[in-house]
Protein backbone atom coordinates (compact mmCIF):
# COMPACT_ATOMS: atom_id res chain seq x y z
CA MET A 1 75.49 192.86 112.12
CA SER A 2 78.81 192.11 113.53
CA LYS A 3 77.52 188.74 114.54
CA ASN A 4 77.07 188.08 110.63
CA ILE A 5 80.76 189.68 109.73
CA GLN A 6 82.19 187.47 112.36
CA THR A 7 80.26 184.16 110.71
CA ASN A 8 81.36 184.93 107.46
CA SER A 9 85.08 185.65 108.21
CA ASP A 10 84.84 182.23 110.18
CA GLU A 11 83.89 180.56 106.83
CA ILE A 12 86.12 178.74 104.64
CA ASN A 13 86.76 180.11 100.76
CA ILE A 14 86.82 177.41 98.47
CA ILE A 15 88.79 180.16 96.05
CA ASP A 16 91.35 181.50 99.06
CA LEU A 17 92.15 177.20 98.76
CA LEU A 18 92.60 177.20 95.71
CA GLN A 19 94.63 180.85 95.01
CA ILE A 20 96.76 178.96 97.79
CA ILE A 21 96.67 175.76 96.30
CA TRP A 22 97.66 177.73 92.49
CA GLU A 23 100.43 179.59 94.14
CA GLY A 24 102.20 176.99 95.65
CA LYS A 25 101.26 174.46 92.56
CA TRP A 26 105.09 174.09 91.80
CA LYS A 27 105.96 173.26 95.31
CA ILE A 28 103.19 170.42 95.16
CA VAL A 29 104.78 169.31 91.49
CA VAL A 30 107.67 168.71 93.36
CA PHE A 31 106.81 166.84 96.26
CA THR A 32 104.34 164.46 94.10
CA PHE A 33 107.14 164.31 91.42
CA ILE A 34 109.59 163.00 94.37
CA ALA A 35 107.28 160.66 95.13
CA ALA A 36 106.83 158.88 91.60
CA ILE A 37 110.37 158.99 91.27
CA SER A 38 110.66 156.72 94.97
CA ILE A 39 108.09 155.08 93.85
CA PHE A 40 109.53 153.86 90.26
CA ILE A 41 113.04 152.77 91.73
CA TYR A 42 111.36 150.62 93.91
CA GLN A 43 109.45 149.75 92.03
CA THR A 44 112.51 148.99 89.06
CA LYS A 45 114.51 146.73 91.61
CA GLU A 46 110.71 144.88 92.81
CA SER A 47 109.83 144.44 89.02
CA LYS A 48 112.77 141.61 89.14
CA ILE A 49 111.00 139.75 92.09
CA PHE A 50 108.65 136.94 90.26
CA THR A 51 105.98 134.58 91.69
CA ALA A 52 106.67 130.81 89.46
CA LYS A 53 103.13 128.46 90.24
CA THR A 54 104.80 125.35 88.75
CA ASP A 55 102.43 122.30 87.92
CA ILE A 56 102.62 118.69 89.61
CA VAL A 57 100.23 116.53 87.04
CA PRO A 58 99.97 112.37 87.44
CA ILE A 59 101.37 110.44 84.61
CA THR A 60 99.76 109.29 81.75
CA THR A 61 97.74 106.34 81.70
CA TYR A 62 99.76 104.56 79.19
CA GLU A 63 103.10 104.83 82.09
CA ALA A 64 100.66 103.72 84.64
CA SER A 65 99.64 100.47 83.06
CA LYS A 66 103.23 99.41 83.11
CA PHE A 67 102.65 98.53 86.42
CA ASP A 68 99.51 96.34 85.86
CA SER A 69 101.22 93.30 85.90
CA LEU A 70 101.76 93.66 89.92
CA ILE A 71 98.33 92.81 90.08
CA PHE A 72 98.32 88.92 89.53
CA ASN A 73 95.44 88.17 91.89
CA ASP A 74 92.51 90.06 92.38
CA ASP A 75 90.39 87.29 93.23
CA THR A 76 91.65 88.43 97.11
CA ASP A 77 89.01 88.95 99.79
CA LYS A 78 89.38 92.30 100.33
CA ASP A 79 87.55 92.12 103.53
CA ASN A 80 89.74 90.22 105.80
CA ILE A 81 92.87 91.98 104.48
CA GLU A 82 95.19 93.82 107.56
CA PHE A 83 96.98 96.65 107.46
CA ASP A 84 100.43 97.75 109.20
CA GLU A 85 100.23 101.01 110.78
CA TYR A 86 101.26 103.02 107.38
CA ASN A 87 97.80 101.90 105.92
CA VAL A 88 99.38 99.35 104.29
CA PRO A 89 97.76 96.21 103.24
CA LEU A 90 100.66 93.44 104.69
CA THR A 91 100.03 91.21 101.35
CA LEU A 92 101.50 90.93 98.73
CA SER A 93 97.90 89.95 96.31
CA THR A 94 96.59 93.31 96.99
CA PHE A 95 100.17 95.35 96.28
CA LYS A 96 99.18 97.84 93.39
CA VAL A 97 100.35 101.13 91.82
CA SER A 98 97.93 103.51 90.72
CA ARG A 99 98.93 106.80 89.19
CA GLU A 100 96.90 108.53 92.08
CA ASP A 101 98.97 106.52 94.28
CA LEU A 102 102.63 108.00 93.04
CA LEU A 103 101.09 111.14 93.20
CA ILE A 104 100.31 110.83 96.32
CA TYR A 105 103.80 109.80 97.31
CA TYR A 106 105.46 112.33 95.51
CA VAL A 107 103.93 115.07 97.04
CA GLU A 108 104.36 113.35 100.70
CA ILE A 109 107.97 113.97 100.29
CA LEU A 110 107.87 117.52 98.93
CA ASN A 111 105.86 118.19 101.76
CA GLU A 112 108.62 117.09 103.76
CA LYS A 113 111.12 120.25 102.10
CA SER A 114 114.05 118.44 103.14
CA LEU A 115 114.81 118.17 98.86
CA PHE A 116 113.81 122.08 98.65
CA LYS A 117 116.55 122.69 101.43
CA GLU A 118 118.90 120.59 100.13
CA ALA A 119 118.69 122.27 95.99
CA LEU A 120 118.20 126.31 97.78
CA ASP A 121 121.62 125.30 99.58
CA LYS A 122 123.29 123.34 96.90
CA PHE A 123 122.13 126.27 94.14
CA LYS A 124 123.00 128.56 96.94
CA TYR A 125 120.37 130.74 97.37
CA LEU A 126 121.95 132.19 100.11
CA ASN A 127 125.28 133.74 100.22
CA ILE A 128 126.85 131.77 103.56
CA SER A 129 129.42 134.26 103.74
CA ASN A 130 126.64 137.04 104.83
CA TYR A 131 126.14 135.08 107.60
CA SER A 132 128.78 134.89 111.07
CA ASN A 133 127.77 131.03 112.09
CA GLU A 134 126.68 127.66 110.46
CA GLN A 135 123.45 127.96 112.80
CA ASP A 136 122.33 131.52 111.25
CA TYR A 137 122.71 130.02 107.54
CA ASP A 138 120.63 127.02 108.64
CA GLU A 139 117.54 129.32 109.75
CA ALA A 140 117.90 131.35 107.05
CA LEU A 141 117.89 128.94 104.98
CA ASN A 142 114.92 126.75 107.00
CA LEU A 143 112.82 130.12 106.63
CA LEU A 144 113.92 130.75 102.90
CA THR A 145 112.49 126.96 102.38
CA SER A 146 109.60 127.87 103.85
CA SER A 147 108.30 130.02 101.26
CA ILE A 148 107.94 127.26 99.09
CA LYS A 149 104.23 126.64 98.97
CA ILE A 150 102.36 123.11 98.00
CA ILE A 151 99.41 123.98 97.45
CA ILE A 152 96.85 120.87 96.85
CA GLU A 153 93.66 122.30 95.66
CA PRO A 154 90.33 119.75 95.25
CA GLN A 155 88.59 118.98 91.55
CA ALA A 156 85.54 117.63 90.61
CA LYS A 157 86.00 113.85 90.58
CA ARG A 158 85.46 112.37 87.21
CA LYS A 159 85.40 108.70 86.50
CA LYS A 160 89.19 107.57 86.15
CA ASP A 161 90.56 110.80 87.69
CA ILE A 162 92.88 112.60 89.88
CA GLU A 163 90.78 114.55 92.75
CA PHE A 164 92.90 117.05 93.05
CA THR A 165 95.09 119.43 91.57
CA VAL A 166 98.36 120.10 93.03
CA SER A 167 101.44 123.14 92.24
CA ILE A 168 104.45 124.38 93.89
CA ASN A 169 104.45 128.92 95.03
CA PHE A 170 107.67 129.91 94.83
CA SER A 171 108.88 134.01 95.07
CA HIS A 172 112.73 134.40 93.42
CA ASP A 173 114.14 136.59 90.48
CA ASP A 174 116.20 134.18 88.43
CA GLU A 175 113.33 132.11 85.94
CA GLU A 176 116.72 129.64 84.85
CA LYS A 177 117.71 129.43 87.83
CA TRP A 178 114.69 128.34 89.94
CA LYS A 179 113.59 125.80 87.06
CA ASN A 180 116.66 124.31 87.18
CA LEU A 181 115.88 123.42 91.19
CA LEU A 182 112.74 122.56 90.35
CA LYS A 183 114.80 119.37 88.00
CA TYR A 184 117.32 118.68 91.05
CA VAL A 185 113.69 117.96 93.43
CA ASP A 186 112.08 116.49 90.79
CA LYS A 187 114.76 113.27 89.79
CA LEU A 188 115.44 113.21 94.00
CA ALA A 189 111.37 112.95 95.01
CA SER A 190 111.36 110.85 91.63
CA GLU A 191 113.76 108.49 93.25
CA ALA A 192 112.57 108.71 96.95
CA VAL A 193 109.34 107.49 95.44
CA LYS A 194 111.23 104.21 93.83
CA GLN A 195 112.93 103.27 96.64
CA ASN A 196 110.09 103.45 99.25
CA ILE A 197 107.84 101.68 96.79
CA LYS A 198 110.55 99.04 96.34
CA ASN A 199 111.21 98.43 100.02
CA GLN A 200 107.67 97.93 100.55
CA TYR A 201 107.59 95.17 98.14
CA LYS A 202 110.25 93.54 99.14
CA ARG A 203 108.80 94.28 102.80
CA LEU A 204 105.43 92.48 101.54
CA LEU A 205 107.58 89.83 99.67
CA LEU A 206 109.68 89.10 102.91
CA LEU A 207 106.53 88.43 104.95
CA GLU A 208 104.99 86.11 102.55
CA LYS A 209 108.19 83.84 102.01
CA LYS A 210 107.82 83.60 105.65
CA LYS A 211 104.25 82.36 105.81
CA THR A 212 105.24 80.04 103.39
CA ASN A 213 108.39 78.97 105.69
CA HIS A 214 106.26 78.94 108.38
CA GLN A 215 103.16 76.81 106.53
CA LEU A 216 105.96 74.10 105.59
CA GLU A 217 107.40 74.26 109.55
CA ASP A 218 104.04 73.71 110.52
CA LEU A 219 103.47 70.70 107.79
CA SER A 220 106.56 69.03 108.55
CA LEU A 221 105.86 68.77 112.27
CA GLN A 222 102.54 67.83 111.18
CA ILE A 223 103.78 65.14 109.01
CA GLU A 224 106.63 63.79 111.50
CA ASN A 225 103.77 63.73 114.56
CA LEU A 226 102.32 61.12 112.19
CA ILE A 227 104.42 58.56 111.84
CA SER A 228 106.10 59.34 115.35
CA ASP A 229 102.48 58.87 116.28
CA TYR A 230 102.32 55.58 113.88
CA ASP A 231 105.57 54.03 115.24
CA ARG A 232 104.19 54.24 118.97
CA GLN A 233 101.07 52.54 117.69
CA THR A 234 102.86 50.22 115.82
CA SER A 235 105.04 49.21 119.13
CA ASP A 236 102.08 49.03 121.67
CA ARG A 237 100.71 46.78 119.00
CA ILE A 238 103.35 44.35 118.49
CA LEU A 239 103.69 43.90 122.39
CA TYR A 240 100.15 43.26 122.58
CA LEU A 241 100.70 40.41 120.23
CA LYS A 242 103.60 39.06 121.48
CA GLU A 243 101.56 38.82 124.99
CA GLN A 244 98.54 36.95 123.05
CA SER A 245 101.17 34.83 121.36
CA GLN A 246 102.85 33.47 123.87
CA ILE A 247 99.00 32.92 125.35
CA ALA A 248 98.11 30.71 122.36
CA LYS A 249 101.42 28.68 122.42
CA LYS A 250 100.83 27.64 125.64
CA LEU A 251 97.75 26.69 125.76
CA GLY A 252 98.56 24.71 122.55
CA ILE A 253 96.11 26.58 120.01
CA ALA A 254 98.22 27.46 116.68
CA LYS A 255 95.12 27.64 114.68
CA ASN A 256 92.11 30.13 114.54
CA THR A 257 89.15 28.35 117.04
CA ILE A 258 87.21 31.79 117.02
CA GLU A 259 83.97 29.62 116.36
CA VAL A 260 82.05 31.00 112.95
CA GLN A 261 78.65 30.91 112.59
CA THR A 262 77.56 30.90 109.36
CA PHE A 263 73.97 31.63 107.87
CA GLY A 264 73.00 30.65 104.23
CA ASN A 265 70.44 30.95 102.04
CA GLN A 266 70.16 30.94 97.76
CA ASN A 267 72.13 34.29 97.31
CA ALA A 268 74.59 34.82 99.79
CA LEU A 269 76.69 33.30 102.82
CA LEU A 270 76.88 35.86 105.71
CA SER A 271 79.65 34.96 108.38
CA ASN A 272 78.76 35.86 112.15
CA VAL A 273 82.26 35.63 113.74
CA LYS A 274 82.56 36.49 117.28
CA THR A 275 84.85 39.17 117.96
CA ASP A 276 84.44 39.41 121.14
CA SER A 277 86.30 36.05 121.90
CA PRO A 278 89.82 36.19 123.82
CA PHE A 279 92.56 37.30 120.32
CA TYR A 280 95.24 34.54 121.30
CA LEU A 281 92.22 32.41 120.22
CA ARG A 282 93.43 33.69 116.46
CA GLY A 283 95.74 31.21 117.28
CA TYR A 284 99.94 31.85 117.49
CA GLU A 285 100.91 31.20 113.91
CA ALA A 286 98.72 34.09 112.69
CA ILE A 287 100.07 36.21 115.39
CA ASP A 288 103.78 35.77 114.73
CA GLU A 289 102.95 35.73 111.25
CA GLU A 290 101.36 39.52 111.58
CA ILE A 291 104.15 40.36 114.19
CA ASP A 292 106.55 39.50 110.92
CA LEU A 293 104.93 41.85 108.45
CA MET A 294 105.13 44.77 111.04
CA ASN A 295 108.47 44.05 112.13
CA SER A 296 109.46 43.63 107.83
CA ARG A 297 107.65 46.98 107.06
CA THR A 298 110.23 48.75 104.78
CA ASP A 299 107.48 51.89 103.87
CA LYS A 300 105.17 53.09 106.48
CA SER A 301 103.35 55.83 104.26
CA ALA A 302 101.02 53.77 102.56
CA PHE A 303 99.89 52.92 106.64
CA ILE A 304 98.81 56.17 108.45
CA ASP A 305 95.99 57.68 107.66
CA GLY A 306 96.26 61.80 106.18
CA LEU A 307 99.55 61.19 105.99
CA PHE A 308 99.22 61.78 101.87
CA ALA A 309 97.52 64.05 102.30
CA LEU A 310 99.85 66.47 104.86
CA GLU A 311 102.52 65.43 101.85
CA LYS A 312 100.76 66.71 98.66
CA LYS A 313 99.55 70.04 100.59
CA LYS A 314 103.00 70.32 101.54
CA ARG A 315 104.48 69.74 97.77
CA SER A 316 101.99 71.91 95.75
CA ILE A 317 103.39 74.72 98.48
CA GLN A 318 107.02 73.95 97.71
CA GLN A 319 106.19 73.86 93.89
CA ASP A 320 104.43 76.75 94.30
CA LYS A 321 106.55 79.74 92.11
CA THR A 322 103.96 82.53 92.51
CA LEU A 323 106.61 84.25 94.77
CA GLU A 324 109.69 84.06 91.99
CA ARG A 325 106.60 85.21 89.63
CA ALA A 326 105.62 88.07 91.74
CA GLU A 327 109.88 89.28 91.62
CA LEU A 328 109.96 88.57 87.96
CA LEU A 329 106.50 90.58 87.35
CA PHE A 330 108.14 94.00 89.73
CA SER A 331 111.82 94.00 87.61
CA SER A 332 110.09 94.55 84.63
CA THR A 333 108.27 97.20 86.21
CA PRO A 334 109.49 101.04 85.38
CA ILE A 335 110.58 100.76 89.19
CA GLY A 336 112.66 97.14 89.38
CA ASP A 337 114.10 98.38 85.89
CA ASN A 338 116.82 100.77 85.79
CA GLU A 339 114.95 102.70 82.59
CA THR A 340 114.34 106.48 83.78
CA PHE A 341 111.47 106.91 86.40
CA PHE A 342 109.10 109.42 87.04
CA ALA A 343 106.64 109.39 89.34
CA ALA A 344 104.74 112.31 88.83
CA LEU A 345 105.39 114.97 86.07
CA LEU A 346 106.40 117.96 87.25
CA LYS A 347 105.61 120.73 84.13
CA ILE A 348 108.40 123.05 84.80
CA SER A 349 108.75 124.17 80.69
CA SER A 350 105.16 125.73 81.72
CA THR A 351 105.99 127.34 84.68
CA LYS A 352 104.02 130.94 84.91
CA PHE A 353 105.89 133.68 86.02
CA THR A 354 104.07 136.28 87.83
CA TYR A 355 106.14 139.60 87.76
CA ASN A 356 105.69 141.96 90.94
CA ASN A 357 104.80 145.17 88.18
CA ASN A 358 101.78 146.65 90.73
CA LYS A 359 100.81 150.14 89.14
CA LYS A 360 98.15 150.87 91.35
CA ILE A 361 100.95 151.10 93.85
CA LEU A 362 102.22 153.57 91.68
CA PHE A 363 99.33 155.68 91.67
CA LEU A 364 98.73 155.58 95.25
CA GLY A 365 102.41 157.39 95.83
CA ILE A 366 101.61 159.70 93.25
CA LEU A 367 98.31 160.94 95.08
CA ILE A 368 99.92 160.61 98.93
CA GLY A 369 102.55 162.61 96.94
CA LEU A 370 99.93 165.20 95.80
CA ILE A 371 98.58 165.04 99.58
CA ILE A 372 101.62 166.06 101.24
CA GLY A 373 102.30 168.57 98.56
CA VAL A 374 99.23 170.12 99.19
CA PHE A 375 99.11 170.11 103.31
CA TYR A 376 103.05 171.73 103.01
CA VAL A 377 101.28 175.02 100.95
CA PHE A 378 98.77 175.02 103.38
CA VAL A 379 100.87 175.05 106.58
CA THR A 380 103.96 177.25 104.94
CA ASN A 381 101.31 179.70 103.84
CA ALA A 382 99.46 179.82 107.45
CA ILE A 383 102.74 179.80 108.88
CA HIS A 384 103.33 182.89 106.58
CA SER A 385 100.34 184.16 107.15
CA GLN A 386 100.85 184.61 110.89
CA VAL A 387 103.91 186.13 110.68
CA ILE A 388 102.41 189.15 108.29
CA ALA A 389 99.50 189.19 111.40
CA ARG A 390 102.54 189.68 113.79
CA LYS A 391 104.23 192.50 111.94
CA LYS A 392 101.33 194.56 111.67
């Protein structure tokens, strides 16, 4: 019987617990109210903080079409194109600027974050007076810059479309200030892309000019060599003829005495000249005449084999206007002239601002306050019960 009484006294009486909670209800309300007020004040401050998301899209197909004039040779053998260490083709004929190229260049510059750091400093996102030295300020500025996220997400591939989407994410408390910063960064990024493409095109143009100059140098050298070889051959020939003339004069051979055998038929006459006979047998009169003719030549070009073909090739290269036209074509593009250039479209006006106003945090805070209040009531009630029991 005593065991049953002991067991019943140890069991939790729900009615007693509810009575304790009811008696301490105002204490619980106070704790819950304090928690709710604290969370409300915190959220009031935090509600000004937003997360901004700004999309970056490629330029329109119309704007991109202004670069089509740069493609002046579509017949280039793409299998034999050489590339530099940056995977840029080392030939002007393959140079092109597409919507995707511009977007990639633009995002690469943004990813360097240097423009964002410059803009954060310019628009005073941090108060330099709050830092003990310039190094601390710079470190804080680097940390703030790193919080800017360039988000690149793949998208379903469609015909003639970009295969990824790009956006900029950043948390702050001033919408207009952030929009002004984006405008500043957008302008600088587009200018950087413009300058990079200009430099790339100039480098390729200079490379093509060097190739042309090298071709002209090689052709000029080949022509000089042909002329030099002709002069040497002519000089050797004249020396040989002079020797043969002296021999003919010594022997008194004035006319050609080389035996010619003639075979005749009804339709034609054929001559069989014995060419293995000594050359002086031609007679010194003919030999001297040949020497005089060779010495009196004022234009050697007609007597130099292959010279005309080389001169024709050299003239063709010298008269080629391809590079000059390429420069003119480039100057007519948005990059070459002084008109406003956009490497990509930063959709600043449609930036999405998401404010940090979470009702779940408020509910959780109230719940925690309620739990603390109930716990406090139980603890104080237990202490009060023990004090009364000791007095008895």
